Amino acid sequence: MNRIGRWTGYIALVAVVFGALMTTANAQGDGWTQNYKAALNLARQQNKMVLMDFTGSDWCPWCMRLDREIHSTSEVKQYAAKHLI
């Protein structure tokens, strides 16, 4: 395997592992905010962690797969509701 292929694999693995613990904000009004200061304030008030999700949304095949296979699961959604802003 060439060097670029190895790095791509590592990056994909890190994204999947991280995504398994977190969930993503989207434009469907699912309770997430895109306002950083508001998220920090809310996290302090509720004693939760802030999740900052940087993905390519609808143009990145790996990001879409991560959302479909990890972020959309009920387990991740339940964890996020209890622990994340």
PDB file of N, CA and C in Angstrom:
ATOM      1  N   MET A   1       0.861  -1.174   0.000  1.00  0.00           N
ATOM      2  CA  MET A   1       0.000   0.000   0.000  1.00  0.00           C
ATOM      3  C   MET A   1       0.907   1.237   0.000  1.00  0.00           C
ATOM      4  N   ASN A   2       0.562   2.191  -0.811  1.00  0.00           N
ATOM      5  CA  ASN A   2       1.396   3.398  -0.861  1.00  0.00           C
ATOM      6  C   ASN A   2       1.114   4.310   0.330  1.00  0.00           C
ATOM      7  N   ARG A   3       1.947   5.295   0.492  1.00  0.00           N
ATOM      8  CA  ARG A   3       1.874   6.190   1.651  1.00  0.00           C
ATOM      9  C   ARG A   3       0.550   6.946   1.723  1.00  0.00           C
ATOM     10  N   ILE A   4       0.068   7.440   0.598  1.00  0.00           N
ATOM     11  CA  ILE A   4      -1.199   8.187   0.572  1.00  0.00           C
ATOM     12  C   ILE A   4      -2.361   7.276   0.933  1.00  0.00           C
ATOM     13  N   GLY A   5      -2.355   6.076   0.410  1.00  0.00           N
ATOM     14  CA  GLY A   5      -3.417   5.125   0.729  1.00  0.00           C
ATOM     15  C   GLY A   5      -3.464   4.782   2.198  1.00  0.00           C
ATOM     16  N   ARG A   6      -2.291   4.646   2.814  1.00  0.00           N
ATOM     17  CA  ARG A   6      -2.220   4.358   4.243  1.00  0.00           C
ATOM     18  C   ARG A   6      -2.794   5.510   5.064  1.00  0.00           C
ATOM     19  N   TRP A   7      -2.431   6.742   4.717  1.00  0.00           N
ATOM     20  CA  TRP A   7      -2.943   7.916   5.434  1.00  0.00           C
ATOM     21  C   TRP A   7      -4.448   8.048   5.274  1.00  0.00           C
ATOM     22  N   THR A   8      -4.931   7.782   4.083  1.00  0.00           N
ATOM     23  CA  THR A   8      -6.371   7.846   3.846  1.00  0.00           C
ATOM     24  C   THR A   8      -7.098   6.838   4.734  1.00  0.00           C
ATOM     25  N   GLY A   9      -6.542   5.647   4.834  1.00  0.00           N
ATOM     26  CA  GLY A   9      -7.132   4.626   5.696  1.00  0.00           C
ATOM     27  C   GLY A   9      -7.129   5.035   7.155  1.00  0.00           C
ATOM     28  N   TYR A  10      -6.018   5.611   7.624  1.00  0.00           N
ATOM     29  CA  TYR A  10      -5.932   6.069   9.008  1.00  0.00           C
ATOM     30  C   TYR A  10      -6.954   7.169   9.292  1.00  0.00           C
ATOM     31  N   ILE A  11      -7.065   8.101   8.374  1.00  0.00           N
ATOM     32  CA  ILE A  11      -8.007   9.210   8.554  1.00  0.00           C
ATOM     33  C   ILE A  11      -9.439   8.681   8.596  1.00  0.00           C
ATOM     34  N   ALA A  12      -9.766   7.756   7.708  1.00  0.00           N
ATOM     35  CA  ALA A  12     -11.108   7.181   7.705  1.00  0.00           C
ATOM     36  C   ALA A  12     -11.392   6.446   9.012  1.00  0.00           C
ATOM     37  N   LEU A  13     -10.420   5.707   9.514  1.00  0.00           N
ATOM     38  CA  LEU A  13     -10.590   4.976  10.763  1.00  0.00           C
ATOM     39  C   LEU A  13     -10.820   5.933  11.930  1.00  0.00           C
ATOM     40  N   VAL A  14     -10.036   6.984  12.013  1.00  0.00           N
ATOM     41  CA  VAL A  14     -10.201   7.970  13.081  1.00  0.00           C
ATOM     42  C   VAL A  14     -11.589   8.608  12.997  1.00  0.00           C
ATOM     43  N   ALA A  15     -12.037   8.931  11.797  1.00  0.00           N
ATOM     44  CA  ALA A  15     -13.357   9.546  11.625  1.00  0.00           C
ATOM     45  C   ALA A  15     -14.467   8.614  12.093  1.00  0.00           C
ATOM     46  N   VAL A  16     -14.357   7.332  11.782  1.00  0.00           N
ATOM     47  CA  VAL A  16     -15.391   6.380  12.174  1.00  0.00           C
ATOM     48  C   VAL A  16     -15.395   6.188  13.692  1.00  0.00           C
ATOM     49  N   VAL A  17     -14.212   6.048  14.281  1.00  0.00           N
ATOM     50  CA  VAL A  17     -14.142   5.866  15.735  1.00  0.00           C
ATOM     51  C   VAL A  17     -14.679   7.095  16.458  1.00  0.00           C
ATOM     52  N   PHE A  18     -14.260   8.272  16.021  1.00  0.00           N
ATOM     53  CA  PHE A  18     -14.751   9.507  16.632  1.00  0.00           C
ATOM     54  C   PHE A  18     -16.253   9.634  16.426  1.00  0.00           C
ATOM     55  N   GLY A  19     -16.705   9.338  15.227  1.00  0.00           N
ATOM     56  CA  GLY A  19     -18.125   9.447  14.916  1.00  0.00           C
ATOM     57  C   GLY A  19     -18.987   8.494  15.709  1.00  0.00           C
ATOM     58  N   ALA A  20     -18.424   7.363  16.100  1.00  0.00           N
ATOM     59  CA  ALA A  20     -19.194   6.403  16.885  1.00  0.00           C
ATOM     60  C   ALA A  20     -19.566   6.962  18.242  1.00  0.00           C
ATOM     61  N   LEU A  21     -18.779   7.896  18.734  1.00  0.00           N
ATOM     62  CA  LEU A  21     -19.045   8.485  20.044  1.00  0.00           C
ATOM     63  C   LEU A  21     -19.864   9.759  19.973  1.00  0.00           C
ATOM     64  N   MET A  22     -19.969  10.324  18.816  1.00  0.00           N
ATOM     65  CA  MET A  22     -20.581  11.634  18.670  1.00  0.00           C
ATOM     66  C   MET A  22     -21.716  11.612  17.655  1.00  0.00           C
ATOM     67  N   THR A  23     -22.380  12.736  17.552  1.00  0.00           N
ATOM     68  CA  THR A  23     -23.385  12.915  16.519  1.00  0.00           C
ATOM     69  C   THR A  23     -23.184  14.269  15.884  1.00  0.00           C
ATOM     70  N   THR A  24     -23.826  14.487  14.771  1.00  0.00           N
ATOM     71  CA  THR A  24     -23.571  15.692  14.001  1.00  0.00           C
ATOM     72  C   THR A  24     -24.766  16.623  13.971  1.00  0.00           C
ATOM     73  N   ALA A  25     -24.481  17.882  13.814  1.00  0.00           N
ATOM     74  CA  ALA A  25     -25.540  18.865  13.616  1.00  0.00           C
ATOM     75  C   ALA A  25     -25.906  18.884  12.146  1.00  0.00           C
ATOM     76  N   ASN A  26     -27.151  19.122  11.872  1.00  0.00           N
ATOM     77  CA  ASN A  26     -27.544  19.293  10.478  1.00  0.00           C
ATOM     78  C   ASN A  26     -28.601  20.380  10.377  1.00  0.00           C
ATOM     79  N   ALA A  27     -29.036  20.651   9.182  1.00  0.00           N
ATOM     80  CA  ALA A  27     -29.943  21.775   8.941  1.00  0.00           C
ATOM     81  C   ALA A  27     -31.403  21.413   9.162  1.00  0.00           C
ATOM     82  N   GLN A  28     -31.703  20.257   9.757  1.00  0.00           N
ATOM     83  CA  GLN A  28     -33.083  19.826   9.909  1.00  0.00           C
ATOM     84  C   GLN A  28     -33.688  20.230  11.247  1.00  0.00           C
ATOM     85  N   GLY A  29     -32.988  21.028  12.028  1.00  0.00           N
ATOM     86  CA  GLY A  29     -33.546  21.494  13.291  1.00  0.00           C
ATOM     87  C   GLY A  29     -33.643  20.414  14.340  1.00  0.00           C
ATOM     88  N   ASP A  30     -32.608  19.621  14.503  1.00  0.00           N
ATOM     89  CA  ASP A  30     -32.648  18.516  15.456  1.00  0.00           C
ATOM     90  C   ASP A  30     -32.099  18.891  16.825  1.00  0.00           C
ATOM     91  N   GLY A  31     -32.077  20.167  17.159  1.00  0.00           N
ATOM     92  CA  GLY A  31     -31.649  20.595  18.472  1.00  0.00           C
ATOM     93  C   GLY A  31     -30.199  21.020  18.564  1.00  0.00           C
ATOM     94  N   TRP A  32     -29.441  20.900  17.523  1.00  0.00           N
ATOM     95  CA  TRP A  32     -28.036  21.307  17.520  1.00  0.00           C
ATOM     96  C   TRP A  32     -27.941  22.764  17.119  1.00  0.00           C
ATOM     97  N   THR A  33     -26.861  23.402  17.508  1.00  0.00           N
ATOM     98  CA  THR A  33     -26.653  24.801  17.168  1.00  0.00           C
ATOM     99  C   THR A  33     -25.372  24.964  16.363  1.00  0.00           C
ATOM    100  N   GLN A  34     -25.326  25.985  15.575  1.00  0.00           N
ATOM    101  CA  GLN A  34     -24.114  26.330  14.846  1.00  0.00           C
ATOM    102  C   GLN A  34     -23.470  27.572  15.461  1.00  0.00           C
ATOM    103  N   ASN A  35     -24.017  28.026  16.574  1.00  0.00           N
ATOM    104  CA  ASN A  35     -23.509  29.200  17.263  1.00  0.00           C
ATOM    105  C   ASN A  35     -22.552  28.747  18.372  1.00  0.00           C
ATOM    106  N   TYR A  36     -21.257  28.977  18.156  1.00  0.00           N
ATOM    107  CA  TYR A  36     -20.225  28.493  19.077  1.00  0.00           C
ATOM    108  C   TYR A  36     -20.385  29.069  20.488  1.00  0.00           C
ATOM    109  N   LYS A  37     -20.581  30.364  20.593  1.00  0.00           N
ATOM    110  CA  LYS A  37     -20.706  30.988  21.919  1.00  0.00           C
ATOM    111  C   LYS A  37     -21.942  30.475  22.655  1.00  0.00           C
ATOM    112  N   ALA A  38     -23.035  30.322  21.940  1.00  0.00           N
ATOM    113  CA  ALA A  38     -24.257  29.807  22.564  1.00  0.00           C
ATOM    114  C   ALA A  38     -24.056  28.363  23.021  1.00  0.00           C
ATOM    115  N   ALA A  39     -23.343  27.586  22.231  1.00  0.00           N
ATOM    116  CA  ALA A  39     -23.068  26.193  22.601  1.00  0.00           C
ATOM    117  C   ALA A  39     -22.217  26.125  23.862  1.00  0.00           C
ATOM    118  N   LEU A  40     -21.194  26.967  23.949  1.00  0.00           N
ATOM    119  CA  LEU A  40     -20.352  26.988  25.145  1.00  0.00           C
ATOM    120  C   LEU A  40     -21.146  27.357  26.385  1.00  0.00           C
ATOM    121  N   ASN A  41     -21.989  28.372  26.266  1.00  0.00           N
ATOM    122  CA  ASN A  41     -22.819  28.789  27.405  1.00  0.00           C
ATOM    123  C   ASN A  41     -23.773  27.676  27.829  1.00  0.00           C
ATOM    124  N   LEU A  42     -24.419  27.059  26.872  1.00  0.00           N
ATOM    125  CA  LEU A  42     -25.359  25.981  27.174  1.00  0.00           C
ATOM    126  C   LEU A  42     -24.635  24.782  27.793  1.00  0.00           C
ATOM    127  N   ALA A  43     -23.463  24.475  27.294  1.00  0.00           N
ATOM    128  CA  ALA A  43     -22.680  23.360  27.838  1.00  0.00           C
ATOM    129  C   ALA A  43     -22.291  23.627  29.287  1.00  0.00           C
ATOM    130  N   ARG A  44     -21.908  24.845  29.573  1.00  0.00           N
ATOM    131  CA  ARG A  44     -21.572  25.201  30.963  1.00  0.00           C
ATOM    132  C   ARG A  44     -22.792  25.051  31.871  1.00  0.00           C
ATOM    133  N   GLN A  45     -23.924  25.532  31.412  1.00  0.00           N
ATOM    134  CA  GLN A  45     -25.146  25.471  32.206  1.00  0.00           C
ATOM    135  C   GLN A  45     -25.579  24.030  32.467  1.00  0.00           C
ATOM    136  N   GLN A  46     -25.426  23.170  31.461  1.00  0.00           N
ATOM    137  CA  GLN A  46     -25.909  21.794  31.563  1.00  0.00           C
ATOM    138  C   GLN A  46     -24.805  20.792  31.916  1.00  0.00           C
ATOM    139  N   ASN A  47     -23.589  21.295  32.132  1.00  0.00           N
ATOM    140  CA  ASN A  47     -22.442  20.439  32.449  1.00  0.00           C
ATOM    141  C   ASN A  47     -22.258  19.339  31.388  1.00  0.00           C
ATOM    142  N   LYS A  48     -22.226  19.753  30.127  1.00  0.00           N
ATOM    143  CA  LYS A  48     -22.037  18.830  29.006  1.00  0.00           C
ATOM    144  C   LYS A  48     -20.806  19.232  28.204  1.00  0.00           C
ATOM    145  N   MET A  49     -20.364  18.320  27.354  1.00  0.00           N
ATOM    146  CA  MET A  49     -19.256  18.596  26.444  1.00  0.00           C
ATOM    147  C   MET A  49     -19.798  19.227  25.165  1.00  0.00           C
ATOM    148  N   VAL A  50     -18.951  19.992  24.495  1.00  0.00           N
ATOM    149  CA  VAL A  50     -19.317  20.589  23.210  1.00  0.00           C
ATOM    150  C   VAL A  50     -18.723  19.736  22.093  1.00  0.00           C
ATOM    151  N   LEU A  51     -19.558  19.365  21.158  1.00  0.00           N
ATOM    152  CA  LEU A  51     -19.099  18.642  19.977  1.00  0.00           C
ATOM    153  C   LEU A  51     -18.990  19.625  18.828  1.00  0.00           C
ATOM    154  N   MET A  52     -17.818  19.694  18.246  1.00  0.00           N
ATOM    155  CA  MET A  52     -17.624  20.511  17.043  1.00  0.00           C
ATOM    156  C   MET A  52     -17.396  19.535  15.897  1.00  0.00           C
ATOM    157  N   ASP A  53     -18.295  19.517  14.966  1.00  0.00           N
ATOM    158  CA  ASP A  53     -18.254  18.552  13.866  1.00  0.00           C
ATOM    159  C   ASP A  53     -17.916  19.270  12.570  1.00  0.00           C
ATOM    160  N   PHE A  54     -16.794  18.931  11.986  1.00  0.00           N
ATOM    161  CA  PHE A  54     -16.353  19.522  10.731  1.00  0.00           C
ATOM    162  C   PHE A  54     -16.405  18.445   9.658  1.00  0.00           C
ATOM    163  N   THR A  55     -17.477  18.418   8.911  1.00  0.00           N
ATOM    164  CA  THR A  55     -17.611  17.423   7.841  1.00  0.00           C
ATOM    165  C   THR A  55     -18.008  18.115   6.554  1.00  0.00           C
ATOM    166  N   GLY A  56     -17.964  17.341   5.481  1.00  0.00           N
ATOM    167  CA  GLY A  56     -18.282  17.874   4.168  1.00  0.00           C
ATOM    168  C   GLY A  56     -19.738  17.742   3.791  1.00  0.00           C
ATOM    169  N   SER A  57     -20.564  17.315   4.686  1.00  0.00           N
ATOM    170  CA  SER A  57     -22.010  17.163   4.511  1.00  0.00           C
ATOM    171  C   SER A  57     -22.379  16.445   3.223  1.00  0.00           C
ATOM    172  N   ASP A  58     -22.915  17.136   2.254  1.00  0.00           N
ATOM    173  CA  ASP A  58     -23.478  16.470   1.076  1.00  0.00           C
ATOM    174  C   ASP A  58     -22.517  16.342  -0.105  1.00  0.00           C
ATOM    175  N   TRP A  59     -21.267  16.687   0.037  1.00  0.00           N
ATOM    176  CA  TRP A  59     -20.330  16.530  -1.067  1.00  0.00           C
ATOM    177  C   TRP A  59     -19.236  15.510  -0.766  1.00  0.00           C
ATOM    178  N   CYS A  60     -19.136  15.048   0.474  1.00  0.00           N
ATOM    179  CA  CYS A  60     -18.076  14.131   0.904  1.00  0.00           C
ATOM    180  C   CYS A  60     -18.662  12.728   1.107  1.00  0.00           C
ATOM    181  N   PRO A  61     -18.291  11.764   0.269  1.00  0.00           N
ATOM    182  CA  PRO A  61     -18.853  10.413   0.409  1.00  0.00           C
ATOM    183  C   PRO A  61     -18.587   9.788   1.781  1.00  0.00           C
ATOM    184  N   TRP A  62     -17.391   9.992   2.344  1.00  0.00           N
ATOM    185  CA  TRP A  62     -17.091   9.420   3.655  1.00  0.00           C
ATOM    186  C   TRP A  62     -17.902  10.105   4.747  1.00  0.00           C
ATOM    187  N   CYS A  63     -18.118  11.395   4.625  1.00  0.00           N
ATOM    188  CA  CYS A  63     -18.924  12.132   5.608  1.00  0.00           C
ATOM    189  C   CYS A  63     -20.379  11.662   5.569  1.00  0.00           C
ATOM    190  N   MET A  64     -20.889  11.450   4.375  1.00  0.00           N
ATOM    191  CA  MET A  64     -22.267  10.974   4.238  1.00  0.00           C
ATOM    192  C   MET A  64     -22.406   9.565   4.824  1.00  0.00           C
ATOM    193  N   ARG A  65     -21.400   8.724   4.581  1.00  0.00           N
ATOM    194  CA  ARG A  65     -21.429   7.366   5.127  1.00  0.00           C
ATOM    195  C   ARG A  65     -21.353   7.407   6.653  1.00  0.00           C
ATOM    196  N   LEU A  66     -20.495   8.251   7.185  1.00  0.00           N
ATOM    197  CA  LEU A  66     -20.376   8.412   8.631  1.00  0.00           C
ATOM    198  C   LEU A  66     -21.708   8.840   9.235  1.00  0.00           C
ATOM    199  N   ASP A  67     -22.374   9.782   8.602  1.00  0.00           N
ATOM    200  CA  ASP A  67     -23.676  10.237   9.088  1.00  0.00           C
ATOM    201  C   ASP A  67     -24.711   9.114   9.014  1.00  0.00           C
ATOM    202  N   ARG A  68     -24.734   8.420   7.900  1.00  0.00           N
ATOM    203  CA  ARG A  68     -25.722   7.362   7.674  1.00  0.00           C
ATOM    204  C   ARG A  68     -25.512   6.168   8.605  1.00  0.00           C
ATOM    205  N   GLU A  69     -24.264   5.742   8.797  1.00  0.00           N
ATOM    206  CA  GLU A  69     -23.988   4.508   9.533  1.00  0.00           C
ATOM    207  C   GLU A  69     -23.676   4.716  11.021  1.00  0.00           C
ATOM    208  N   ILE A  70     -23.290   5.919  11.411  1.00  0.00           N
ATOM    209  CA  ILE A  70     -22.916   6.152  12.807  1.00  0.00           C
ATOM    210  C   ILE A  70     -23.796   7.228  13.446  1.00  0.00           C
ATOM    211  N   HIS A  71     -23.738   8.427  12.909  1.00  0.00           N
ATOM    212  CA  HIS A  71     -24.436   9.555  13.534  1.00  0.00           C
ATOM    213  C   HIS A  71     -25.942   9.346  13.636  1.00  0.00           C
ATOM    214  N   SER A  72     -26.526   8.614  12.735  1.00  0.00           N
ATOM    215  CA  SER A  72     -27.974   8.442  12.713  1.00  0.00           C
ATOM    216  C   SER A  72     -28.467   7.307  13.598  1.00  0.00           C
ATOM    217  N   THR A  73     -27.572   6.567  14.240  1.00  0.00           N
ATOM    218  CA  THR A  73     -28.007   5.442  15.069  1.00  0.00           C
ATOM    219  C   THR A  73     -28.651   5.936  16.361  1.00  0.00           C
ATOM    220  N   SER A  74     -29.555   5.151  16.877  1.00  0.00           N
ATOM    221  CA  SER A  74     -30.246   5.545  18.107  1.00  0.00           C
ATOM    222  C   SER A  74     -29.286   5.595  19.294  1.00  0.00           C
ATOM    223  N   GLU A  75     -28.281   4.716  19.305  1.00  0.00           N
ATOM    224  CA  GLU A  75     -27.319   4.719  20.408  1.00  0.00           C
ATOM    225  C   GLU A  75     -26.551   6.036  20.476  1.00  0.00           C
ATOM    226  N   VAL A  76     -26.100   6.499  19.335  1.00  0.00           N
ATOM    227  CA  VAL A  76     -25.336   7.749  19.289  1.00  0.00           C
ATOM    228  C   VAL A  76     -26.251   8.928  19.616  1.00  0.00           C
ATOM    229  N   LYS A  77     -27.452   8.921  19.098  1.00  0.00           N
ATOM    230  CA  LYS A  77     -28.391  10.006  19.389  1.00  0.00           C
ATOM    231  C   LYS A  77     -28.718  10.077  20.878  1.00  0.00           C
ATOM    232  N   GLN A  78     -28.891   8.928  21.525  1.00  0.00           N
ATOM    233  CA  GLN A  78     -29.184   8.915  22.961  1.00  0.00           C
ATOM    234  C   GLN A  78     -27.990   9.427  23.762  1.00  0.00           C
ATOM    235  N   TYR A  79     -26.792   8.991  23.386  1.00  0.00           N
ATOM    236  CA  TYR A  79     -25.582   9.473  24.068  1.00  0.00           C
ATOM    237  C   TYR A  79     -25.457  10.981  23.925  1.00  0.00           C
ATOM    238  N   ALA A  80     -25.660  11.467  22.716  1.00  0.00           N
ATOM    239  CA  ALA A  80     -25.511  12.899  22.458  1.00  0.00           C
ATOM    240  C   ALA A  80     -26.526  13.712  23.248  1.00  0.00           C
ATOM    241  N   ALA A  81     -27.741  13.229  23.340  1.00  0.00           N
ATOM    242  CA  ALA A  81     -28.772  13.961  24.078  1.00  0.00           C
ATOM    243  C   ALA A  81     -28.408  14.103  25.553  1.00  0.00           C
ATOM    244  N   LYS A  82     -27.725  13.108  26.101  1.00  0.00           N
ATOM    245  CA  LYS A  82     -27.366  13.138  27.521  1.00  0.00           C
ATOM    246  C   LYS A  82     -26.056  13.891  27.801  1.00  0.00           C
ATOM    247  N   HIS A  83     -25.125  13.867  26.842  1.00  0.00           N
ATOM    248  CA  HIS A  83     -23.771  14.321  27.141  1.00  0.00           C
ATOM    249  C   HIS A  83     -23.223  15.453  26.274  1.00  0.00           C
ATOM    250  N   LEU A  84     -23.889  15.808  25.186  1.00  0.00           N
ATOM    251  CA  LEU A  84     -23.287  16.731  24.235  1.00  0.00           C
ATOM    252  C   LEU A  84     -24.161  17.924  23.906  1.00  0.00           C
ATOM    253  N   ILE A  85     -23.499  19.012  23.578  1.00  0.00           N
ATOM    254  CA  ILE A  85     -24.146  20.206  23.017  1.00  0.00           C
ATOM    255  C   ILE A  85     -23.545  20.385  21.637  1.00  0.00           C
TER     256      ILE A  85
END
